Amino acid sequence: MRSDSENTFNVFNNPIDEIEEIVNSYELDFLRNTLNELILSYKGLWNNYEVSFNWDQYNGILQVNNNLNILVPAKLIKKIRIMISMINEKIVLGYFGFSIKTKSIYFRHNISLRGMNNFSAEQVEDCIDRIICDCDKYFPAFQIFLHKKNNPEFAIKSALLETLGEA
């Protein structure tokens, strides 16, 4: 349902400004490409990530993307899509996807900010933490799938194996 935007006055600061302040306070590497885009460079456990934040002011949506830079051979595309579906069933926020254009895996999370007048520091921190956590958690599964055994269930179970005790 769409509100009557002619009669609605919504003052919302650009969330990219707030994200920039927060990542700057943590002294993280980032690049502000445009007024509505910021790219955060972040070293994860398994990969260096470039998390991009894109503000769509017209729709009130903040789109957060992270390309995992994992290229998938054409012969494995069908199976990787099955694997991504299996993983997405376990994800709380956001989702993994496969780009036909770049033949690679990405993570995306869209946040609707309509009706809000700010984007809190806690929301920004949680968003970044959640994306990095999920990408780090499933990155090994994608690697096992592509380089060891092209079986989605095996790759996910192997990567999520929890150890008991201490060494």
N, C-alpha and C. Protein backbone atom coordinates (compact mmCIF):
# COMPACT_ATOMS: atom_id res chain seq x y z
N MET A 1 0.84 -1.17 0.00
CA MET A 1 0.00 0.00 0.00
C MET A 1 0.89 1.24 0.00
N ARG A 2 0.67 2.13 -0.87
CA ARG A 2 1.44 3.36 -0.99
C ARG A 2 0.71 4.49 -0.28
N SER A 3 1.46 5.31 0.44
CA SER A 3 0.85 6.48 1.07
C SER A 3 0.65 7.56 0.04
N ASP A 4 -0.19 8.51 0.35
CA ASP A 4 -0.42 9.65 -0.53
C ASP A 4 0.76 10.59 -0.37
N SER A 5 1.77 10.44 -1.24
CA SER A 5 3.02 11.17 -1.08
C SER A 5 2.85 12.68 -1.26
N GLU A 6 1.78 13.12 -1.93
CA GLU A 6 1.56 14.56 -2.07
C GLU A 6 1.23 15.19 -0.73
N ASN A 7 0.60 14.43 0.15
CA ASN A 7 0.20 14.96 1.45
C ASN A 7 1.13 14.51 2.58
N THR A 8 2.18 13.81 2.24
CA THR A 8 3.11 13.31 3.24
C THR A 8 4.41 14.08 3.13
N PHE A 9 4.87 14.60 4.24
CA PHE A 9 6.14 15.31 4.28
C PHE A 9 7.09 14.47 5.09
N ASN A 10 8.10 13.94 4.44
CA ASN A 10 9.03 13.04 5.11
C ASN A 10 10.43 13.65 5.04
N VAL A 11 10.95 14.07 6.17
CA VAL A 11 12.29 14.61 6.23
C VAL A 11 13.21 13.50 6.68
N PHE A 12 14.08 13.08 5.79
CA PHE A 12 15.01 12.01 6.12
C PHE A 12 16.38 12.42 5.65
N ASN A 13 17.30 12.46 6.60
CA ASN A 13 18.67 12.73 6.23
C ASN A 13 19.18 11.56 5.40
N ASN A 14 20.10 11.83 4.53
CA ASN A 14 20.67 10.79 3.69
C ASN A 14 21.38 9.77 4.61
N PRO A 15 20.94 8.51 4.61
CA PRO A 15 21.56 7.52 5.50
C PRO A 15 23.03 7.27 5.16
N ILE A 16 23.44 7.58 3.93
CA ILE A 16 24.85 7.41 3.56
C ILE A 16 25.72 8.34 4.38
N ASP A 17 25.20 9.54 4.71
CA ASP A 17 25.94 10.47 5.57
C ASP A 17 26.17 9.86 6.95
N GLU A 18 25.13 9.24 7.49
CA GLU A 18 25.24 8.61 8.81
C GLU A 18 26.17 7.40 8.79
N ILE A 19 26.09 6.61 7.72
CA ILE A 19 26.98 5.45 7.58
C ILE A 19 28.43 5.93 7.49
N GLU A 20 28.65 7.00 6.74
CA GLU A 20 30.00 7.54 6.60
C GLU A 20 30.56 7.97 7.96
N GLU A 21 29.76 8.65 8.77
CA GLU A 21 30.21 9.07 10.10
C GLU A 21 30.60 7.87 10.96
N ILE A 22 29.79 6.83 10.91
CA ILE A 22 30.02 5.66 11.76
C ILE A 22 31.26 4.89 11.31
N VAL A 23 31.39 4.60 10.02
CA VAL A 23 32.56 3.85 9.57
C VAL A 23 33.84 4.69 9.75
N ASN A 24 33.71 5.99 9.64
CA ASN A 24 34.85 6.88 9.88
C ASN A 24 35.26 6.84 11.35
N SER A 25 34.28 6.78 12.26
CA SER A 25 34.60 6.73 13.69
C SER A 25 35.32 5.44 14.07
N TYR A 26 35.07 4.36 13.32
CA TYR A 26 35.76 3.09 13.54
C TYR A 26 37.07 3.01 12.76
N GLU A 27 37.39 4.08 12.05
CA GLU A 27 38.60 4.17 11.24
C GLU A 27 38.69 3.03 10.22
N LEU A 28 37.54 2.72 9.61
CA LEU A 28 37.49 1.71 8.55
C LEU A 28 37.75 2.38 7.21
N ASP A 29 38.29 1.61 6.27
CA ASP A 29 38.54 2.14 4.93
C ASP A 29 37.24 2.18 4.14
N PHE A 30 36.96 3.32 3.53
CA PHE A 30 35.77 3.45 2.71
C PHE A 30 35.99 4.49 1.63
N LEU A 31 35.10 4.45 0.64
CA LEU A 31 35.13 5.39 -0.46
C LEU A 31 33.72 5.89 -0.68
N ARG A 32 33.57 7.19 -0.68
CA ARG A 32 32.26 7.80 -0.96
C ARG A 32 32.24 8.18 -2.43
N ASN A 33 31.64 7.32 -3.25
CA ASN A 33 31.62 7.53 -4.70
C ASN A 33 30.73 8.69 -5.10
N THR A 34 29.51 8.68 -4.58
CA THR A 34 28.54 9.71 -4.92
C THR A 34 27.80 10.09 -3.65
N LEU A 35 26.87 11.00 -3.79
CA LEU A 35 26.05 11.42 -2.66
C LEU A 35 25.27 10.24 -2.08
N ASN A 36 24.90 9.28 -2.94
CA ASN A 36 24.05 8.18 -2.53
C ASN A 36 24.73 6.81 -2.51
N GLU A 37 26.08 6.80 -2.51
CA GLU A 37 26.79 5.52 -2.49
C GLU A 37 28.06 5.61 -1.66
N LEU A 38 28.28 4.56 -0.87
CA LEU A 38 29.50 4.44 -0.08
C LEU A 38 29.96 2.99 -0.18
N ILE A 39 31.27 2.78 -0.36
CA ILE A 39 31.82 1.43 -0.42
C ILE A 39 32.80 1.26 0.73
N LEU A 40 32.52 0.27 1.56
CA LEU A 40 33.32 -0.03 2.74
C LEU A 40 34.23 -1.20 2.43
N SER A 41 35.53 -1.05 2.65
CA SER A 41 36.48 -2.15 2.51
C SER A 41 36.65 -2.78 3.88
N TYR A 42 36.48 -4.10 3.94
CA TYR A 42 36.50 -4.79 5.22
C TYR A 42 37.19 -6.13 5.06
N LYS A 43 38.13 -6.43 5.94
CA LYS A 43 38.83 -7.71 5.89
C LYS A 43 38.08 -8.71 6.76
N GLY A 44 37.48 -9.69 6.10
CA GLY A 44 36.77 -10.75 6.81
C GLY A 44 37.72 -11.88 7.16
N LEU A 45 37.17 -12.96 7.68
CA LEU A 45 38.00 -14.13 8.03
C LEU A 45 38.58 -14.80 6.79
N TRP A 46 37.80 -14.87 5.70
CA TRP A 46 38.18 -15.64 4.53
C TRP A 46 38.42 -14.81 3.29
N ASN A 47 38.01 -13.56 3.31
CA ASN A 47 38.04 -12.77 2.09
C ASN A 47 38.06 -11.29 2.45
N ASN A 48 38.55 -10.48 1.53
CA ASN A 48 38.43 -9.03 1.67
C ASN A 48 37.14 -8.62 0.99
N TYR A 49 36.28 -7.94 1.75
CA TYR A 49 34.96 -7.59 1.24
C TYR A 49 34.90 -6.11 0.88
N GLU A 50 34.07 -5.82 -0.11
CA GLU A 50 33.72 -4.46 -0.45
C GLU A 50 32.21 -4.36 -0.33
N VAL A 51 31.76 -3.84 0.80
CA VAL A 51 30.33 -3.73 1.08
C VAL A 51 29.87 -2.37 0.57
N SER A 52 28.93 -2.38 -0.36
CA SER A 52 28.44 -1.12 -0.91
C SER A 52 27.07 -0.79 -0.34
N PHE A 53 26.89 0.47 0.00
CA PHE A 53 25.63 1.00 0.50
C PHE A 53 25.10 1.96 -0.56
N ASN A 54 23.89 1.70 -1.05
CA ASN A 54 23.28 2.55 -2.07
C ASN A 54 21.92 3.03 -1.58
N TRP A 55 21.72 4.34 -1.58
CA TRP A 55 20.48 4.95 -1.11
C TRP A 55 19.58 5.28 -2.29
N ASP A 56 18.39 4.70 -2.30
CA ASP A 56 17.36 4.99 -3.29
C ASP A 56 16.33 5.88 -2.60
N GLN A 57 16.53 7.18 -2.72
CA GLN A 57 15.70 8.15 -2.01
C GLN A 57 14.24 8.07 -2.44
N TYR A 58 13.99 7.86 -3.72
CA TYR A 58 12.62 7.83 -4.22
C TYR A 58 11.80 6.74 -3.54
N ASN A 59 12.37 5.56 -3.40
CA ASN A 59 11.67 4.43 -2.78
C ASN A 59 11.94 4.30 -1.28
N GLY A 60 12.86 5.10 -0.75
CA GLY A 60 13.18 5.03 0.67
C GLY A 60 13.86 3.73 1.05
N ILE A 61 14.70 3.20 0.16
CA ILE A 61 15.35 1.90 0.40
C ILE A 61 16.86 2.06 0.40
N LEU A 62 17.48 1.49 1.41
CA LEU A 62 18.93 1.40 1.46
C LEU A 62 19.29 -0.01 1.04
N GLN A 63 20.05 -0.12 -0.03
CA GLN A 63 20.46 -1.43 -0.53
C GLN A 63 21.92 -1.65 -0.15
N VAL A 64 22.18 -2.78 0.50
CA VAL A 64 23.53 -3.12 0.94
C VAL A 64 23.95 -4.37 0.18
N ASN A 65 25.08 -4.29 -0.52
CA ASN A 65 25.57 -5.39 -1.35
C ASN A 65 27.00 -5.74 -0.98
N ASN A 66 27.31 -7.02 -1.11
CA ASN A 66 28.68 -7.47 -0.94
C ASN A 66 28.94 -8.56 -1.97
N ASN A 67 29.79 -8.25 -2.93
CA ASN A 67 30.18 -9.24 -3.92
C ASN A 67 31.27 -10.11 -3.31
N LEU A 68 31.06 -11.42 -3.29
CA LEU A 68 32.03 -12.32 -2.68
C LEU A 68 33.22 -12.61 -3.59
N ASN A 69 33.17 -12.12 -4.82
CA ASN A 69 34.26 -12.36 -5.78
C ASN A 69 34.55 -13.84 -5.95
N ILE A 70 33.50 -14.62 -5.98
CA ILE A 70 33.61 -16.06 -6.22
C ILE A 70 32.99 -16.32 -7.58
N LEU A 71 33.82 -16.62 -8.57
CA LEU A 71 33.33 -16.91 -9.92
C LEU A 71 32.90 -18.36 -10.01
N VAL A 72 31.78 -18.58 -10.66
CA VAL A 72 31.21 -19.91 -10.78
C VAL A 72 31.27 -20.36 -12.24
N PRO A 73 31.89 -21.51 -12.50
CA PRO A 73 31.93 -22.03 -13.88
C PRO A 73 30.51 -22.34 -14.37
N ALA A 74 30.30 -22.19 -15.67
CA ALA A 74 28.98 -22.39 -16.27
C ALA A 74 28.38 -23.75 -15.93
N LYS A 75 29.21 -24.79 -15.88
CA LYS A 75 28.69 -26.14 -15.62
C LYS A 75 28.14 -26.32 -14.20
N LEU A 76 28.47 -25.38 -13.28
CA LEU A 76 28.02 -25.51 -11.89
C LEU A 76 26.93 -24.51 -11.50
N ILE A 77 26.48 -23.71 -12.44
CA ILE A 77 25.50 -22.66 -12.12
C ILE A 77 24.21 -23.25 -11.55
N LYS A 78 23.69 -24.28 -12.14
CA LYS A 78 22.43 -24.87 -11.65
C LYS A 78 22.58 -25.35 -10.20
N LYS A 79 23.69 -26.04 -9.92
CA LYS A 79 23.91 -26.55 -8.56
C LYS A 79 24.18 -25.43 -7.56
N ILE A 80 24.88 -24.36 -7.99
CA ILE A 80 25.16 -23.27 -7.05
C ILE A 80 23.88 -22.55 -6.68
N ARG A 81 22.94 -22.47 -7.61
CA ARG A 81 21.64 -21.86 -7.31
C ARG A 81 20.88 -22.69 -6.28
N ILE A 82 20.97 -23.99 -6.38
CA ILE A 82 20.35 -24.87 -5.38
C ILE A 82 21.00 -24.65 -4.03
N MET A 83 22.31 -24.57 -4.02
CA MET A 83 23.04 -24.35 -2.78
C MET A 83 22.66 -23.01 -2.15
N ILE A 84 22.59 -21.97 -2.97
CA ILE A 84 22.21 -20.65 -2.47
C ILE A 84 20.81 -20.68 -1.85
N SER A 85 19.88 -21.40 -2.48
CA SER A 85 18.53 -21.54 -1.92
C SER A 85 18.56 -22.24 -0.56
N MET A 86 19.38 -23.26 -0.45
CA MET A 86 19.50 -23.98 0.82
C MET A 86 20.07 -23.08 1.91
N ILE A 87 21.07 -22.28 1.55
CA ILE A 87 21.67 -21.37 2.53
C ILE A 87 20.68 -20.27 2.92
N ASN A 88 19.97 -19.73 1.94
CA ASN A 88 19.03 -18.64 2.23
C ASN A 88 17.93 -19.04 3.21
N GLU A 89 17.62 -20.32 3.28
CA GLU A 89 16.64 -20.79 4.25
C GLU A 89 17.14 -20.62 5.68
N LYS A 90 18.45 -20.49 5.85
CA LYS A 90 19.05 -20.35 7.18
C LYS A 90 19.37 -18.90 7.54
N ILE A 91 19.30 -17.99 6.58
CA ILE A 91 19.68 -16.59 6.78
C ILE A 91 18.54 -15.83 7.45
N VAL A 92 18.87 -15.02 8.43
CA VAL A 92 17.86 -14.23 9.14
C VAL A 92 17.54 -12.94 8.38
N LEU A 93 18.55 -12.19 8.01
CA LEU A 93 18.38 -10.93 7.26
C LEU A 93 19.21 -10.98 5.99
N GLY A 94 18.64 -10.53 4.90
CA GLY A 94 19.38 -10.51 3.65
C GLY A 94 19.32 -11.86 2.97
N TYR A 95 20.09 -11.96 1.87
CA TYR A 95 20.09 -13.19 1.10
C TYR A 95 21.31 -13.23 0.19
N PHE A 96 21.72 -14.44 -0.17
CA PHE A 96 22.75 -14.63 -1.17
C PHE A 96 22.07 -14.74 -2.53
N GLY A 97 22.79 -14.34 -3.56
CA GLY A 97 22.27 -14.44 -4.91
C GLY A 97 23.39 -14.76 -5.87
N PHE A 98 23.00 -15.04 -7.09
CA PHE A 98 23.97 -15.32 -8.15
C PHE A 98 23.71 -14.37 -9.30
N SER A 99 24.74 -13.66 -9.73
CA SER A 99 24.62 -12.71 -10.82
C SER A 99 24.95 -13.39 -12.14
N ILE A 100 23.99 -13.42 -13.02
CA ILE A 100 24.21 -13.97 -14.37
C ILE A 100 25.24 -13.13 -15.11
N LYS A 101 25.18 -11.82 -14.92
CA LYS A 101 26.05 -10.88 -15.63
C LYS A 101 27.53 -11.11 -15.29
N THR A 102 27.84 -11.21 -14.00
CA THR A 102 29.24 -11.36 -13.58
C THR A 102 29.63 -12.80 -13.27
N LYS A 103 28.66 -13.70 -13.27
CA LYS A 103 28.88 -15.13 -12.96
C LYS A 103 29.48 -15.31 -11.56
N SER A 104 29.00 -14.47 -10.63
CA SER A 104 29.55 -14.53 -9.28
C SER A 104 28.46 -14.47 -8.22
N ILE A 105 28.85 -14.81 -7.00
CA ILE A 105 27.94 -14.86 -5.85
C ILE A 105 28.02 -13.53 -5.10
N TYR A 106 26.87 -13.05 -4.65
CA TYR A 106 26.81 -11.81 -3.88
C TYR A 106 25.89 -12.00 -2.68
N PHE A 107 25.98 -11.06 -1.74
CA PHE A 107 25.05 -11.01 -0.61
C PHE A 107 24.37 -9.66 -0.66
N ARG A 108 23.06 -9.63 -0.43
CA ARG A 108 22.31 -8.38 -0.48
C ARG A 108 21.34 -8.31 0.68
N HIS A 109 21.17 -7.09 1.16
CA HIS A 109 20.18 -6.81 2.20
C HIS A 109 19.57 -5.45 1.88
N ASN A 110 18.25 -5.41 1.77
CA ASN A 110 17.55 -4.15 1.50
C ASN A 110 16.83 -3.72 2.77
N ILE A 111 16.94 -2.44 3.07
CA ILE A 111 16.32 -1.89 4.28
C ILE A 111 15.38 -0.77 3.88
N SER A 112 14.10 -0.94 4.21
CA SER A 112 13.13 0.11 3.93
C SER A 112 13.20 1.14 5.06
N LEU A 113 13.43 2.38 4.68
CA LEU A 113 13.52 3.45 5.67
C LEU A 113 12.37 4.44 5.54
N ARG A 114 11.35 4.08 4.78
CA ARG A 114 10.19 4.96 4.65
C ARG A 114 9.54 5.17 6.00
N GLY A 115 9.15 6.40 6.26
CA GLY A 115 8.47 6.71 7.52
C GLY A 115 9.42 6.94 8.68
N MET A 116 10.71 6.77 8.46
CA MET A 116 11.70 6.99 9.52
C MET A 116 12.40 8.31 9.23
N ASN A 117 12.90 8.95 10.27
CA ASN A 117 13.62 10.20 10.03
C ASN A 117 15.10 10.10 10.31
N ASN A 118 15.56 8.91 10.67
CA ASN A 118 17.01 8.70 10.80
C ASN A 118 17.34 7.21 10.79
N PHE A 119 18.62 6.94 10.67
CA PHE A 119 19.14 5.57 10.64
C PHE A 119 20.16 5.52 11.76
N SER A 120 19.87 4.79 12.83
CA SER A 120 20.69 4.85 14.04
C SER A 120 22.04 4.16 13.88
N ALA A 121 22.97 4.55 14.73
CA ALA A 121 24.30 3.95 14.74
C ALA A 121 24.19 2.44 15.00
N GLU A 122 23.29 2.05 15.88
CA GLU A 122 23.11 0.62 16.18
C GLU A 122 22.64 -0.14 14.95
N GLN A 123 21.74 0.47 14.16
CA GLN A 123 21.26 -0.19 12.95
C GLN A 123 22.40 -0.36 11.94
N VAL A 124 23.22 0.65 11.79
CA VAL A 124 24.35 0.57 10.87
C VAL A 124 25.32 -0.51 11.32
N GLU A 125 25.67 -0.50 12.60
CA GLU A 125 26.60 -1.49 13.14
C GLU A 125 26.05 -2.90 12.98
N ASP A 126 24.77 -3.09 13.30
CA ASP A 126 24.15 -4.42 13.16
C ASP A 126 24.13 -4.87 11.71
N CYS A 127 23.84 -3.96 10.82
CA CYS A 127 23.80 -4.29 9.38
C CYS A 127 25.16 -4.76 8.91
N ILE A 128 26.20 -4.01 9.23
CA ILE A 128 27.56 -4.39 8.81
C ILE A 128 27.97 -5.71 9.46
N ASP A 129 27.73 -5.84 10.76
CA ASP A 129 28.09 -7.07 11.47
C ASP A 129 27.37 -8.29 10.89
N ARG A 130 26.09 -8.14 10.59
CA ARG A 130 25.30 -9.26 10.07
C ARG A 130 25.80 -9.71 8.70
N ILE A 131 26.08 -8.74 7.85
CA ILE A 131 26.56 -9.06 6.50
C ILE A 131 27.91 -9.76 6.56
N ILE A 132 28.84 -9.21 7.31
CA ILE A 132 30.18 -9.80 7.42
C ILE A 132 30.09 -11.19 8.05
N CYS A 133 29.28 -11.31 9.08
CA CYS A 133 29.13 -12.60 9.77
C CYS A 133 28.59 -13.67 8.82
N ASP A 134 27.52 -13.36 8.08
CA ASP A 134 26.94 -14.34 7.17
C ASP A 134 27.88 -14.66 6.01
N CYS A 135 28.57 -13.65 5.49
CA CYS A 135 29.51 -13.91 4.39
C CYS A 135 30.67 -14.78 4.87
N ASP A 136 31.21 -14.48 6.06
CA ASP A 136 32.29 -15.29 6.61
C ASP A 136 31.82 -16.71 6.93
N LYS A 137 30.59 -16.84 7.39
CA LYS A 137 30.05 -18.14 7.77
C LYS A 137 29.91 -19.07 6.56
N TYR A 138 29.44 -18.53 5.43
CA TYR A 138 29.15 -19.37 4.27
C TYR A 138 30.22 -19.34 3.18
N PHE A 139 31.19 -18.45 3.28
CA PHE A 139 32.27 -18.40 2.29
C PHE A 139 32.97 -19.77 2.15
N PRO A 140 33.32 -20.43 3.26
CA PRO A 140 33.96 -21.75 3.14
C PRO A 140 33.07 -22.78 2.44
N ALA A 141 31.76 -22.69 2.64
CA ALA A 141 30.86 -23.64 1.97
C ALA A 141 30.94 -23.48 0.46
N PHE A 142 30.97 -22.25 0.00
CA PHE A 142 31.08 -22.01 -1.45
C PHE A 142 32.43 -22.54 -1.98
N GLN A 143 33.48 -22.34 -1.21
CA GLN A 143 34.80 -22.82 -1.63
C GLN A 143 34.85 -24.35 -1.68
N ILE A 144 34.29 -24.99 -0.66
CA ILE A 144 34.25 -26.47 -0.65
C ILE A 144 33.46 -26.97 -1.85
N PHE A 145 32.34 -26.33 -2.12
CA PHE A 145 31.51 -26.73 -3.25
C PHE A 145 32.27 -26.61 -4.57
N LEU A 146 32.95 -25.50 -4.77
CA LEU A 146 33.61 -25.25 -6.05
C LEU A 146 34.92 -26.02 -6.23
N HIS A 147 35.64 -26.26 -5.13
CA HIS A 147 36.99 -26.81 -5.26
C HIS A 147 37.17 -28.25 -4.76
N LYS A 148 36.21 -28.76 -4.03
CA LYS A 148 36.36 -30.13 -3.51
C LYS A 148 35.30 -31.06 -4.10
N LYS A 149 34.09 -30.84 -3.67
CA LYS A 149 33.01 -31.73 -4.05
C LYS A 149 31.82 -30.87 -4.44
N ASN A 150 31.31 -31.04 -5.64
CA ASN A 150 30.22 -30.22 -6.13
C ASN A 150 28.86 -30.69 -5.62
N ASN A 151 28.79 -30.87 -4.32
CA ASN A 151 27.56 -31.32 -3.68
C ASN A 151 27.14 -30.26 -2.67
N PRO A 152 26.03 -29.55 -2.90
CA PRO A 152 25.62 -28.47 -2.00
C PRO A 152 25.46 -28.90 -0.53
N GLU A 153 24.79 -30.03 -0.31
CA GLU A 153 24.56 -30.48 1.07
C GLU A 153 25.88 -30.79 1.78
N PHE A 154 26.78 -31.48 1.10
CA PHE A 154 28.08 -31.81 1.66
C PHE A 154 28.85 -30.54 2.00
N ALA A 155 28.86 -29.58 1.09
CA ALA A 155 29.62 -28.33 1.29
C ALA A 155 29.09 -27.55 2.48
N ILE A 156 27.78 -27.43 2.59
CA ILE A 156 27.18 -26.68 3.71
C ILE A 156 27.45 -27.38 5.03
N LYS A 157 27.23 -28.68 5.08
CA LYS A 157 27.47 -29.43 6.33
C LYS A 157 28.94 -29.37 6.73
N SER A 158 29.84 -29.49 5.77
CA SER A 158 31.28 -29.45 6.07
C SER A 158 31.70 -28.09 6.60
N ALA A 159 31.18 -27.03 6.01
CA ALA A 159 31.58 -25.67 6.41
C ALA A 159 30.98 -25.29 7.76
N LEU A 160 29.82 -25.83 8.08
CA LEU A 160 29.14 -25.46 9.33
C LEU A 160 29.37 -26.46 10.45
N LEU A 161 30.29 -27.37 10.22
CA LEU A 161 30.61 -28.37 11.24
C LEU A 161 31.07 -27.70 12.51
N GLU A 162 30.40 -28.00 13.61
CA GLU A 162 30.78 -27.41 14.88
C GLU A 162 31.63 -28.42 15.63
N THR A 163 32.73 -27.93 16.18
CA THR A 163 33.62 -28.81 16.93
C THR A 163 33.25 -28.81 18.39
N LEU A 164 33.53 -29.89 19.05
CA LEU A 164 33.27 -30.02 20.48
C LEU A 164 34.59 -30.12 21.21
N GLY A 165 34.67 -29.50 22.37
CA GLY A 165 35.88 -29.58 23.17
C GLY A 165 36.94 -28.60 22.73
N GLU A 166 38.14 -28.78 23.30
CA GLU A 166 39.25 -27.88 22.99
C GLU A 166 40.46 -28.72 22.59
N ALA A 167 41.28 -28.14 21.74
CA ALA A 167 42.49 -28.85 21.32
C ALA A 167 43.64 -28.52 22.24
